[in-house]
Amino acid sequence: MKKPMTDSDIFTARARKSSMRLLSWVFAWVGTMVLADKAELYEWYSSAWISMLAIVINTGIGIGVIVTFLRFLKELDELQRKIQLDALALSMGIGFVGGFAYSLLATAQFISDAEASDILVLMSVAYMAGIIIGQVRYK
């Protein structure tokens, strides 16, 4: 005999579905980013309009990620939303402070090959660390 689903079970199922939807959008966005970057880097095509099309498609999928993330946040309970907000604040703060420090290091020529993607990686790691810290703290 099947046990009836409780409100908690329904919430968990909805949160899992929302997480998978967000993850799918993120993988699509990262995939199109890598594809567009490597296609340009290795000159897989020679037309500028194809490069522009790849960038437009990647940007469109990126907007989809933003919309899906906002929907994801709305579907979370208060504690999970607080954990997300704290992690986002940590990531943004580290991005600003780290980004400006990185820029100053590049300007002072302590760093010879500065890349914006380095800051994005730093922010991503900070966000993931913030999520893990929040999950452990509020467990």
C-alpha atoms as a PDB file:
ATOM      1  CA  MET A   1       0.000   0.000   0.000  1.00  0.00           C
ATOM      2  CA  LYS A   2       1.318   3.418  -0.978  1.00  0.00           C
ATOM      3  CA  LYS A   3       1.840   5.927   1.774  1.00  0.00           C
ATOM      4  CA  PRO A   4       0.189   9.326   1.078  1.00  0.00           C
ATOM      5  CA  MET A   5       2.581  12.194   0.401  1.00  0.00           C
ATOM      6  CA  THR A   6       2.951  14.764   3.148  1.00  0.00           C
ATOM      7  CA  ASP A   7       3.479  18.488   2.608  1.00  0.00           C
ATOM      8  CA  SER A   8       7.172  17.942   3.366  1.00  0.00           C
ATOM      9  CA  ASP A   9       7.425  15.229   0.697  1.00  0.00           C
ATOM     10  CA  ILE A  10       5.698  17.453  -1.848  1.00  0.00           C
ATOM     11  CA  PHE A  11       8.015  20.375  -0.983  1.00  0.00           C
ATOM     12  CA  THR A  12      11.092  18.142  -1.278  1.00  0.00           C
ATOM     13  CA  ALA A  13       9.964  16.793  -4.654  1.00  0.00           C
ATOM     14  CA  ARG A  14       9.263  20.316  -5.932  1.00  0.00           C
ATOM     15  CA  ALA A  15      12.656  21.559  -4.665  1.00  0.00           C
ATOM     16  CA  ARG A  16      14.437  18.646  -6.342  1.00  0.00           C
ATOM     17  CA  LYS A  17      12.635  19.316  -9.640  1.00  0.00           C
ATOM     18  CA  SER A  18      13.469  23.030  -9.411  1.00  0.00           C
ATOM     19  CA  SER A  19      17.128  22.241  -8.682  1.00  0.00           C
ATOM     20  CA  MET A  20      17.348  19.910 -11.669  1.00  0.00           C
ATOM     21  CA  ARG A  21      15.758  22.540 -13.928  1.00  0.00           C
ATOM     22  CA  LEU A  22      18.310  25.118 -12.743  1.00  0.00           C
ATOM     23  CA  LEU A  23      21.187  22.684 -13.169  1.00  0.00           C
ATOM     24  CA  SER A  24      20.062  21.902 -16.728  1.00  0.00           C
ATOM     25  CA  TRP A  25      20.006  25.578 -17.646  1.00  0.00           C
ATOM     26  CA  VAL A  26      23.441  26.139 -16.067  1.00  0.00           C
ATOM     27  CA  PHE A  27      24.960  23.203 -17.986  1.00  0.00           C
ATOM     28  CA  ALA A  28      23.432  24.509 -21.230  1.00  0.00           C
ATOM     29  CA  TRP A  29      24.835  27.977 -20.562  1.00  0.00           C
ATOM     30  CA  VAL A  30      28.313  26.699 -19.677  1.00  0.00           C
ATOM     31  CA  GLY A  31      28.252  24.378 -22.696  1.00  0.00           C
ATOM     32  CA  THR A  32      27.429  27.173 -25.115  1.00  0.00           C
ATOM     33  CA  MET A  33      30.051  29.371 -23.442  1.00  0.00           C
ATOM     34  CA  VAL A  34      32.781  26.753 -23.902  1.00  0.00           C
ATOM     35  CA  LEU A  35      31.661  25.979 -27.438  1.00  0.00           C
ATOM     36  CA  ALA A  36      31.609  29.650 -28.480  1.00  0.00           C
ATOM     37  CA  ASP A  37      34.963  30.323 -26.803  1.00  0.00           C
ATOM     38  CA  LYS A  38      36.767  27.311 -28.264  1.00  0.00           C
ATOM     39  CA  ALA A  39      35.233  27.826 -31.709  1.00  0.00           C
ATOM     40  CA  GLU A  40      36.602  31.367 -31.744  1.00  0.00           C
ATOM     41  CA  LEU A  41      39.944  30.400 -30.207  1.00  0.00           C
ATOM     42  CA  TYR A  42      40.616  27.555 -32.647  1.00  0.00           C
ATOM     43  CA  GLU A  43      39.009  29.358 -35.610  1.00  0.00           C
ATOM     44  CA  TRP A  44      36.498  26.596 -36.366  1.00  0.00           C
ATOM     45  CA  TYR A  45      34.660  29.119 -38.524  1.00  0.00           C
ATOM     46  CA  SER A  46      35.714  32.300 -40.237  1.00  0.00           C
ATOM     47  CA  SER A  47      32.545  34.379 -40.315  1.00  0.00           C
ATOM     48  CA  ALA A  48      31.999  37.178 -37.812  1.00  0.00           C
ATOM     49  CA  TRP A  49      28.216  36.707 -37.913  1.00  0.00           C
ATOM     50  CA  ILE A  50      28.594  33.120 -36.645  1.00  0.00           C
ATOM     51  CA  SER A  51      30.634  34.427 -33.714  1.00  0.00           C
ATOM     52  CA  MET A  52      27.950  37.016 -32.997  1.00  0.00           C
ATOM     53  CA  LEU A  53      25.213  34.363 -33.245  1.00  0.00           C
ATOM     54  CA  ALA A  54      27.076  32.136 -30.764  1.00  0.00           C
ATOM     55  CA  ILE A  55      27.381  35.061 -28.338  1.00  0.00           C
ATOM     56  CA  VAL A  56      23.695  35.960 -28.707  1.00  0.00           C
ATOM     57  CA  ILE A  57      22.636  32.336 -28.119  1.00  0.00           C
ATOM     58  CA  ASN A  58      24.898  32.099 -25.054  1.00  0.00           C
ATOM     59  CA  THR A  59      23.518  35.380 -23.696  1.00  0.00           C
ATOM     60  CA  GLY A  60      19.940  34.209 -24.260  1.00  0.00           C
ATOM     61  CA  ILE A  61      20.592  30.995 -22.371  1.00  0.00           C
ATOM     62  CA  GLY A  62      22.297  33.060 -19.652  1.00  0.00           C
ATOM     63  CA  ILE A  63      19.120  35.123 -19.269  1.00  0.00           C
ATOM     64  CA  GLY A  64      17.253  31.813 -18.980  1.00  0.00           C
ATOM     65  CA  VAL A  65      19.603  30.853 -16.136  1.00  0.00           C
ATOM     66  CA  ILE A  66      18.824  34.104 -14.326  1.00  0.00           C
ATOM     67  CA  VAL A  67      15.056  33.661 -14.685  1.00  0.00           C
ATOM     68  CA  THR A  68      15.281  30.019 -13.603  1.00  0.00           C
ATOM     69  CA  PHE A  69      17.443  30.957 -10.594  1.00  0.00           C
ATOM     70  CA  LEU A  70      14.917  33.591  -9.508  1.00  0.00           C
ATOM     71  CA  ARG A  71      12.140  31.002  -9.785  1.00  0.00           C
ATOM     72  CA  PHE A  72      14.325  28.554  -7.841  1.00  0.00           C
ATOM     73  CA  LEU A  73      14.780  31.101  -5.030  1.00  0.00           C
ATOM     74  CA  LYS A  74      11.032  31.768  -4.823  1.00  0.00           C
ATOM     75  CA  GLU A  75      10.318  28.051  -4.377  1.00  0.00           C
ATOM     76  CA  LEU A  76      12.747  27.620  -1.461  1.00  0.00           C
ATOM     77  CA  ASP A  77      11.738  27.728   2.181  1.00  0.00           C
ATOM     78  CA  GLU A  78      12.941  30.612   4.350  1.00  0.00           C
ATOM     79  CA  LEU A  79      16.039  28.837   5.693  1.00  0.00           C
ATOM     80  CA  GLN A  80      17.256  27.702   2.274  1.00  0.00           C
ATOM     81  CA  ARG A  81      16.593  31.182   0.887  1.00  0.00           C
ATOM     82  CA  LYS A  82      18.689  32.675   3.725  1.00  0.00           C
ATOM     83  CA  ILE A  83      21.527  30.247   2.979  1.00  0.00           C
ATOM     84  CA  GLN A  84      21.389  31.235  -0.707  1.00  0.00           C
ATOM     85  CA  LEU A  85      21.316  34.950   0.131  1.00  0.00           C
ATOM     86  CA  ASP A  86      24.280  34.632   2.505  1.00  0.00           C
ATOM     87  CA  ALA A  87      26.251  32.672  -0.110  1.00  0.00           C
ATOM     88  CA  LEU A  88      25.427  35.236  -2.804  1.00  0.00           C
ATOM     89  CA  ALA A  89      26.490  38.093  -0.503  1.00  0.00           C
ATOM     90  CA  LEU A  90      29.774  36.319   0.249  1.00  0.00           C
ATOM     91  CA  SER A  91      30.393  35.692  -3.440  1.00  0.00           C
ATOM     92  CA  MET A  92      29.576  39.272  -4.413  1.00  0.00           C
ATOM     93  CA  GLY A  93      31.761  40.737  -1.645  1.00  0.00           C
ATOM     94  CA  ILE A  94      34.706  38.523  -2.525  1.00  0.00           C
ATOM     95  CA  GLY A  95      34.149  39.344  -6.197  1.00  0.00           C
ATOM     96  CA  PHE A  96      34.258  43.092  -5.567  1.00  0.00           C
ATOM     97  CA  VAL A  97      37.156  43.128  -3.136  1.00  0.00           C
ATOM     98  CA  GLY A  98      39.083  40.389  -4.951  1.00  0.00           C
ATOM     99  CA  GLY A  99      38.349  41.915  -8.350  1.00  0.00           C
ATOM    100  CA  PHE A 100      39.625  45.335  -7.422  1.00  0.00           C
ATOM    101  CA  ALA A 101      42.695  43.886  -5.684  1.00  0.00           C
ATOM    102  CA  TYR A 102      43.340  41.746  -8.773  1.00  0.00           C
ATOM    103  CA  SER A 103      42.976  44.817 -10.985  1.00  0.00           C
ATOM    104  CA  LEU A 104      45.463  46.747  -8.843  1.00  0.00           C
ATOM    105  CA  LEU A 105      47.912  43.826  -8.987  1.00  0.00           C
ATOM    106  CA  ALA A 106      47.598  43.796 -12.789  1.00  0.00           C
ATOM    107  CA  THR A 107      48.026  47.578 -12.991  1.00  0.00           C
ATOM    108  CA  ALA A 108      51.142  47.376 -10.795  1.00  0.00           C
ATOM    109  CA  GLN A 109      52.327  44.596 -13.122  1.00  0.00           C
ATOM    110  CA  PHE A 110      52.531  41.925 -10.426  1.00  0.00           C
ATOM    111  CA  ILE A 111      50.228  39.851 -12.651  1.00  0.00           C
ATOM    112  CA  SER A 112      51.174  39.655 -16.311  1.00  0.00           C
ATOM    113  CA  ASP A 113      48.167  37.862 -17.825  1.00  0.00           C
ATOM    114  CA  ALA A 114      45.053  39.046 -15.981  1.00  0.00           C
ATOM    115  CA  GLU A 115      41.791  37.387 -17.058  1.00  0.00           C
ATOM    116  CA  ALA A 116      38.267  38.333 -15.997  1.00  0.00           C
ATOM    117  CA  SER A 117      37.447  34.622 -15.802  1.00  0.00           C
ATOM    118  CA  ASP A 118      39.818  34.330 -12.822  1.00  0.00           C
ATOM    119  CA  ILE A 119      37.485  36.540 -10.792  1.00  0.00           C
ATOM    120  CA  LEU A 120      34.459  34.545 -11.933  1.00  0.00           C
ATOM    121  CA  VAL A 121      36.110  31.338 -10.770  1.00  0.00           C
ATOM    122  CA  LEU A 122      36.892  32.968  -7.418  1.00  0.00           C
ATOM    123  CA  MET A 123      33.265  34.098  -7.060  1.00  0.00           C
ATOM    124  CA  SER A 124      31.969  30.643  -7.991  1.00  0.00           C
ATOM    125  CA  VAL A 125      34.178  28.959  -5.409  1.00  0.00           C
ATOM    126  CA  ALA A 126      33.092  31.508  -2.787  1.00  0.00           C
ATOM    127  CA  TYR A 127      29.421  30.871  -3.626  1.00  0.00           C
ATOM    128  CA  MET A 128      29.839  27.100  -3.321  1.00  0.00           C
ATOM    129  CA  ALA A 129      31.742  27.521  -0.047  1.00  0.00           C
ATOM    130  CA  GLY A 130      28.972  29.795   1.239  1.00  0.00           C
ATOM    131  CA  ILE A 131      26.321  27.176   0.422  1.00  0.00           C
ATOM    132  CA  ILE A 132      28.316  24.440   2.174  1.00  0.00           C
ATOM    133  CA  ILE A 133      28.999  26.627   5.217  1.00  0.00           C
ATOM    134  CA  GLY A 134      25.315  27.597   5.434  1.00  0.00           C
ATOM    135  CA  GLN A 135      24.129  23.991   5.154  1.00  0.00           C
ATOM    136  CA  VAL A 136      26.522  22.911   7.899  1.00  0.00           C
ATOM    137  CA  ARG A 137      25.760  25.917  10.129  1.00  0.00           C
ATOM    138  CA  TYR A 138      21.984  25.518  10.030  1.00  0.00           C
ATOM    139  CA  LYS A 139      21.780  21.737  10.070  1.00  0.00           C
END
